[in-house]
N, C-alpha and C. Protein backbone atom coordinates (compact mmCIF):
# COMPACT_ATOMS: atom_id res chain seq x y z
N UNK A 1 91.85 97.60 133.77
CA UNK A 1 91.98 96.84 132.65
C UNK A 1 93.56 97.04 132.00
N UNK A 2 94.05 96.50 131.38
CA UNK A 2 95.55 96.83 131.07
C UNK A 2 95.63 96.00 129.44
N UNK A 3 96.55 96.82 128.84
CA UNK A 3 97.04 96.35 127.51
C UNK A 3 98.64 95.61 127.29
N UNK A 4 98.82 94.30 126.85
CA UNK A 4 99.79 93.89 126.73
C UNK A 4 100.64 93.55 125.40
N UNK A 5 101.43 94.01 125.18
CA UNK A 5 102.31 93.39 123.86
C UNK A 5 103.01 92.13 123.98
N UNK A 6 102.68 91.20 122.96
CA UNK A 6 103.41 89.83 122.97
C UNK A 6 104.33 90.27 122.22
N UNK A 7 105.58 89.62 122.76
CA UNK A 7 106.67 89.89 121.82
C UNK A 7 107.32 88.11 121.31
N UNK A 8 106.47 87.35 121.95
CA UNK A 8 106.97 86.16 121.80
C UNK A 8 105.72 84.64 121.88
N UNK A 9 106.16 83.74 121.54
CA UNK A 9 105.09 82.54 121.74
C UNK A 9 105.66 81.39 122.42
N UNK A 10 104.78 80.69 122.83
CA UNK A 10 105.22 79.13 123.37
C UNK A 10 104.09 78.35 122.42
N UNK A 11 104.58 77.34 121.99
CA UNK A 11 103.84 76.52 121.07
C UNK A 11 103.69 74.67 121.71
N UNK A 12 102.90 74.14 121.58
CA UNK A 12 102.52 72.98 121.74
C UNK A 12 102.03 72.08 120.74
N UNK A 13 101.93 70.86 120.89
CA UNK A 13 101.69 69.82 120.15
C UNK A 13 100.38 69.22 120.77
N UNK A 14 99.03 69.46 119.73
CA UNK A 14 97.95 68.43 120.79
C UNK A 14 97.88 67.25 119.89
N UNK A 15 97.67 66.26 120.24
CA UNK A 15 97.86 65.23 119.90
C UNK A 15 96.22 64.54 119.31
N UNK A 16 95.30 65.14 120.09
CA UNK A 16 93.73 64.72 119.53
C UNK A 16 93.11 65.77 118.73
N UNK A 17 92.03 65.27 117.63
CA UNK A 17 91.89 63.93 117.21
C UNK A 17 93.01 63.91 116.49
N UNK A 18 93.92 64.69 115.58
CA UNK A 18 95.19 64.53 115.28
C UNK A 18 96.14 65.39 115.67
N UNK A 19 97.24 64.91 115.22
CA UNK A 19 98.29 66.38 115.49
C UNK A 19 98.21 67.61 114.83
N UNK A 20 98.22 68.64 115.77
CA UNK A 20 97.93 70.08 115.16
C UNK A 20 98.54 70.77 116.11
N UNK A 21 99.18 72.25 116.19
CA UNK A 21 99.95 72.96 116.92
C UNK A 21 99.13 74.07 117.75
N UNK A 22 99.33 74.42 118.79
CA UNK A 22 98.73 75.63 119.34
C UNK A 22 99.37 76.32 119.94
N UNK A 23 99.51 77.74 120.48
CA UNK A 23 99.78 78.52 121.12
C UNK A 23 99.75 78.32 122.44
N UNK A 24 100.53 78.13 123.28
CA UNK A 24 100.12 77.37 124.53
C UNK A 24 100.67 78.56 125.84
N UNK A 25 101.49 79.68 125.33
CA UNK A 25 101.92 80.70 125.82
C UNK A 25 101.95 82.15 125.12
N UNK A 26 102.46 82.86 126.09
CA UNK A 26 103.27 84.20 125.23
C UNK A 26 104.05 84.84 126.43
N UNK A 27 104.78 85.36 125.90
CA UNK A 27 105.63 86.51 126.36
C UNK A 27 105.35 88.17 125.93
N UNK A 28 105.11 89.19 127.26
CA UNK A 28 104.85 90.06 126.73
C UNK A 28 105.92 91.25 127.40
N UNK A 29 106.22 92.39 126.51
CA UNK A 29 107.22 93.28 127.18
C UNK A 29 107.04 94.79 126.22
N UNK A 30 108.07 95.46 126.52
CA UNK A 30 108.30 96.36 125.55
C UNK A 30 108.89 96.46 124.45
N UNK A 31 109.89 95.27 124.46
CA UNK A 31 111.23 95.05 123.53
C UNK A 31 110.93 94.08 122.85
N UNK A 32 111.00 93.81 121.70
CA UNK A 32 110.31 92.37 120.76
C UNK A 32 111.90 91.23 120.81
N UNK A 33 112.92 91.85 121.36
CA UNK A 33 113.86 90.74 121.77
C UNK A 33 113.94 90.10 123.30
N UNK A 34 113.01 90.93 124.23
CA UNK A 34 112.93 90.55 125.54
C UNK A 34 111.56 90.56 126.02
N UNK A 35 111.28 89.26 126.77
CA UNK A 35 109.62 89.36 127.38
C UNK A 35 109.99 89.75 128.89
N UNK A 36 109.49 90.53 129.22
CA UNK A 36 109.47 91.07 130.85
C UNK A 36 108.49 89.88 131.67
N UNK A 37 107.57 89.49 131.06
CA UNK A 37 106.41 88.57 131.45
C UNK A 37 106.10 87.16 130.71
N UNK A 38 105.85 86.61 131.69
CA UNK A 38 105.37 85.04 130.83
C UNK A 38 104.20 84.66 131.08
N UNK A 39 103.49 84.42 130.13
CA UNK A 39 101.79 83.97 130.60
C UNK A 39 101.53 82.64 130.07
N UNK A 40 100.56 81.79 130.49
CA UNK A 40 100.34 80.55 129.99
C UNK A 40 98.94 80.92 129.38
N UNK A 41 98.54 80.37 128.48
CA UNK A 41 97.47 80.39 127.60
C UNK A 41 96.18 80.68 128.53
N UNK A 42 96.03 79.46 129.49
CA UNK A 42 94.79 79.92 130.24
C UNK A 42 94.97 81.43 131.15
N UNK A 43 96.23 81.55 131.61
CA UNK A 43 96.31 83.33 132.06
C UNK A 43 96.28 84.38 131.12
N UNK A 44 96.26 83.89 129.98
CA UNK A 44 95.90 85.03 128.82
C UNK A 44 94.62 85.17 128.60
N UNK A 45 93.85 83.78 128.74
CA UNK A 45 92.48 83.79 128.43
C UNK A 45 91.97 84.44 129.77
N UNK A 46 91.98 84.35 130.56
CA UNK A 46 91.36 84.65 132.04
C UNK A 46 91.52 86.29 132.03
N UNK A 47 92.72 86.52 131.71
CA UNK A 47 92.96 88.10 131.85
C UNK A 47 92.06 88.83 130.38
N UNK A 48 92.01 88.13 129.48
CA UNK A 48 91.19 88.85 128.33
C UNK A 48 89.58 89.00 128.69
N UNK A 49 89.08 87.68 129.39
CA UNK A 49 87.85 87.58 130.15
C UNK A 49 87.98 88.74 131.02
N UNK A 50 88.65 89.11 131.60
CA UNK A 50 89.03 90.49 132.62
C UNK A 50 88.56 91.54 131.89
N UNK A 51 88.88 91.86 130.60
CA UNK A 51 88.79 93.16 130.03
C UNK A 51 90.42 93.40 129.62
N UNK A 52 91.40 92.90 129.65
CA UNK A 52 92.66 93.12 129.52
C UNK A 52 92.67 92.71 127.70
N UNK A 53 93.56 93.45 127.04
CA UNK A 53 93.55 93.10 125.66
C UNK A 53 95.13 93.03 125.57
N UNK A 54 95.24 92.25 124.45
CA UNK A 54 96.82 91.59 124.08
C UNK A 54 96.88 92.19 122.55
N UNK A 55 98.04 92.42 122.43
CA UNK A 55 98.47 93.04 120.96
C UNK A 55 99.66 92.54 120.53
N UNK A 56 100.39 92.46 119.00
CA UNK A 56 101.44 92.40 118.71
C UNK A 56 101.62 93.55 118.11
N UNK A 57 102.87 94.26 117.65
CA UNK A 57 103.56 95.82 117.10
C UNK A 57 104.06 95.15 116.09
N UNK A 58 104.23 95.75 114.83
CA UNK A 58 105.33 95.40 113.65
C UNK A 58 106.27 96.83 113.46
N UNK A 59 107.16 96.06 113.88
CA UNK A 59 108.35 97.34 113.90
C UNK A 59 108.68 97.85 112.55
N UNK A 60 108.30 97.09 111.43
CA UNK A 60 108.26 97.74 110.22
C UNK A 60 107.25 98.75 109.72
N UNK A 61 106.22 98.17 110.42
CA UNK A 61 105.18 99.08 109.48
C UNK A 61 104.38 100.00 110.82
N UNK A 62 104.82 99.73 111.88
CA UNK A 62 104.18 100.54 113.31
C UNK A 62 102.70 100.06 113.47
N UNK A 63 102.20 99.12 112.88
CA UNK A 63 100.79 98.70 112.97
C UNK A 63 100.76 97.68 113.99
N UNK A 64 99.57 97.83 114.66
CA UNK A 64 99.39 97.09 115.75
C UNK A 64 97.98 96.35 115.53
N UNK A 65 98.22 94.86 116.18
CA UNK A 65 97.19 93.91 115.65
C UNK A 65 96.76 93.40 116.87
N UNK A 66 95.63 93.50 117.27
CA UNK A 66 94.83 92.98 118.23
C UNK A 66 94.99 91.16 118.44
N UNK A 67 95.29 90.59 119.68
CA UNK A 67 94.93 89.26 119.63
C UNK A 67 93.69 88.84 119.78
N UNK A 68 93.18 87.76 119.48
CA UNK A 68 91.64 87.46 119.69
C UNK A 68 91.68 85.74 120.22
N UNK A 69 90.31 85.65 120.35
CA UNK A 69 90.34 84.05 120.69
C UNK A 69 89.54 83.58 119.74
N UNK A 70 89.58 82.20 119.55
CA UNK A 70 88.81 81.67 118.46
C UNK A 70 88.64 80.16 119.06
N UNK A 71 88.00 79.50 118.59
CA UNK A 71 87.72 78.16 118.96
C UNK A 71 88.44 77.18 117.46
N UNK A 72 89.24 76.35 118.34
CA UNK A 72 89.98 75.61 117.22
C UNK A 72 89.27 74.46 116.40
N UNK A 73 89.06 74.39 115.32
CA UNK A 73 88.25 73.60 114.52
C UNK A 73 88.45 72.15 114.75
N UNK A 74 89.51 72.10 114.72
CA UNK A 74 90.06 70.46 115.11
C UNK A 74 90.00 69.79 116.72
N UNK A 75 90.14 70.56 117.37
CA UNK A 75 89.84 69.90 118.59
C UNK A 75 88.54 70.61 120.07
N UNK A 76 88.38 71.86 119.04
CA UNK A 76 87.34 72.92 120.00
C UNK A 76 87.69 73.40 121.38
N UNK A 77 88.96 73.71 121.40
CA UNK A 77 90.05 74.20 122.05
C UNK A 77 89.55 75.71 122.12
N UNK A 78 89.39 76.57 123.15
CA UNK A 78 89.58 78.19 122.94
C UNK A 78 91.20 78.62 122.64
N UNK A 79 91.42 78.92 121.76
CA UNK A 79 92.65 79.44 121.42
C UNK A 79 92.88 80.77 121.04
N UNK A 80 94.22 81.26 120.93
CA UNK A 80 94.57 82.74 120.30
C UNK A 80 95.27 82.83 119.09
N UNK A 81 95.17 84.07 118.59
CA UNK A 81 95.61 84.13 117.04
C UNK A 81 95.57 85.59 116.87
N UNK A 82 96.22 86.20 115.71
CA UNK A 82 96.18 87.54 115.49
C UNK A 82 95.10 87.88 114.81
N UNK A 83 94.93 88.72 114.94
CA UNK A 83 93.20 89.02 114.32
C UNK A 83 93.65 89.58 112.91
N UNK A 84 92.74 89.63 111.69
CA UNK A 84 92.87 89.93 110.63
C UNK A 84 93.53 90.97 110.31
N UNK A 85 94.58 91.25 109.54
CA UNK A 85 95.35 92.28 108.61
C UNK A 85 96.59 92.65 109.28
N UNK A 86 97.06 91.17 109.92
CA UNK A 86 98.66 91.46 111.05
C UNK A 86 99.53 91.23 109.64
N UNK A 87 100.53 92.09 109.92
CA UNK A 87 101.58 92.09 109.18
C UNK A 87 102.55 91.21 109.37
N UNK A 88 103.48 90.57 108.50
CA UNK A 88 104.31 89.34 108.65
C UNK A 88 105.23 89.30 109.88
N UNK A 89 105.33 90.82 110.42
CA UNK A 89 106.44 90.58 111.50
C UNK A 89 105.49 90.97 113.01
N UNK A 90 104.11 90.65 113.01
CA UNK A 90 103.43 90.87 114.26
C UNK A 90 102.47 89.85 114.15
N UNK A 91 102.29 88.76 113.25
CA UNK A 91 101.35 87.71 113.38
C UNK A 91 102.14 86.73 114.18
N UNK A 92 101.16 86.43 114.98
CA UNK A 92 101.38 85.06 116.06
C UNK A 92 102.14 83.98 115.44
N UNK A 93 101.45 83.48 114.25
CA UNK A 93 102.23 82.48 113.68
C UNK A 93 103.67 82.23 113.56
N UNK A 94 104.06 83.64 113.15
CA UNK A 94 105.50 83.91 112.72
C UNK A 94 106.51 84.42 113.41
N UNK A 95 105.69 84.55 115.07
CA UNK A 95 106.79 85.02 116.33
C UNK A 95 107.53 84.02 116.70
N UNK A 96 108.68 84.97 116.86
CA UNK A 96 109.76 84.02 117.63
C UNK A 96 108.92 82.93 118.72
N UNK A 97 109.98 82.01 119.03
CA UNK A 97 109.71 81.00 120.43
C UNK A 97 110.22 81.89 121.64
N UNK A 98 109.60 81.98 122.53
CA UNK A 98 109.79 82.52 123.88
C UNK A 98 110.46 81.17 124.53
N UNK A 99 111.83 81.74 124.87
CA UNK A 99 112.63 81.01 125.70
C UNK A 99 112.89 81.61 127.10
N UNK A 100 112.41 80.77 128.19
CA UNK A 100 112.20 81.26 129.28
C UNK A 100 113.05 80.11 130.24
N UNK A 101 113.88 80.84 131.47
CA UNK A 101 114.80 80.22 132.27
C UNK A 101 114.00 78.59 132.62
N UNK A 102 112.67 79.03 133.08
CA UNK A 102 111.78 78.16 133.51
C UNK A 102 110.74 77.85 132.41
N UNK A 103 110.27 76.86 131.94
CA UNK A 103 109.20 76.94 131.11
C UNK A 103 107.97 76.92 131.75
N UNK A 104 107.21 77.57 130.65
CA UNK A 104 105.67 77.81 131.31
C UNK A 104 104.78 76.64 131.01
């Protein structure tokens, strides 16, 4: 089992039943400004199922916030989000977009 620091996210729009956004992938690494690895949502969910953990870290507060799964109330898909108590700079919703040479 491993623990992975999320430093950026990829977002996508789901069209049904009405348009809304999901996190479709993440980048992990030791530096907030650089992702060493990229993951699709499917890969993150599979790793979590195997016991790996994902988290964000607030540079401002030093607070670690675990990433959790949830069922999207609009479409029923399994998604990821920051657990309660995240700081503004380590909440997945506010995290920078990942930019990869080849998209995930």
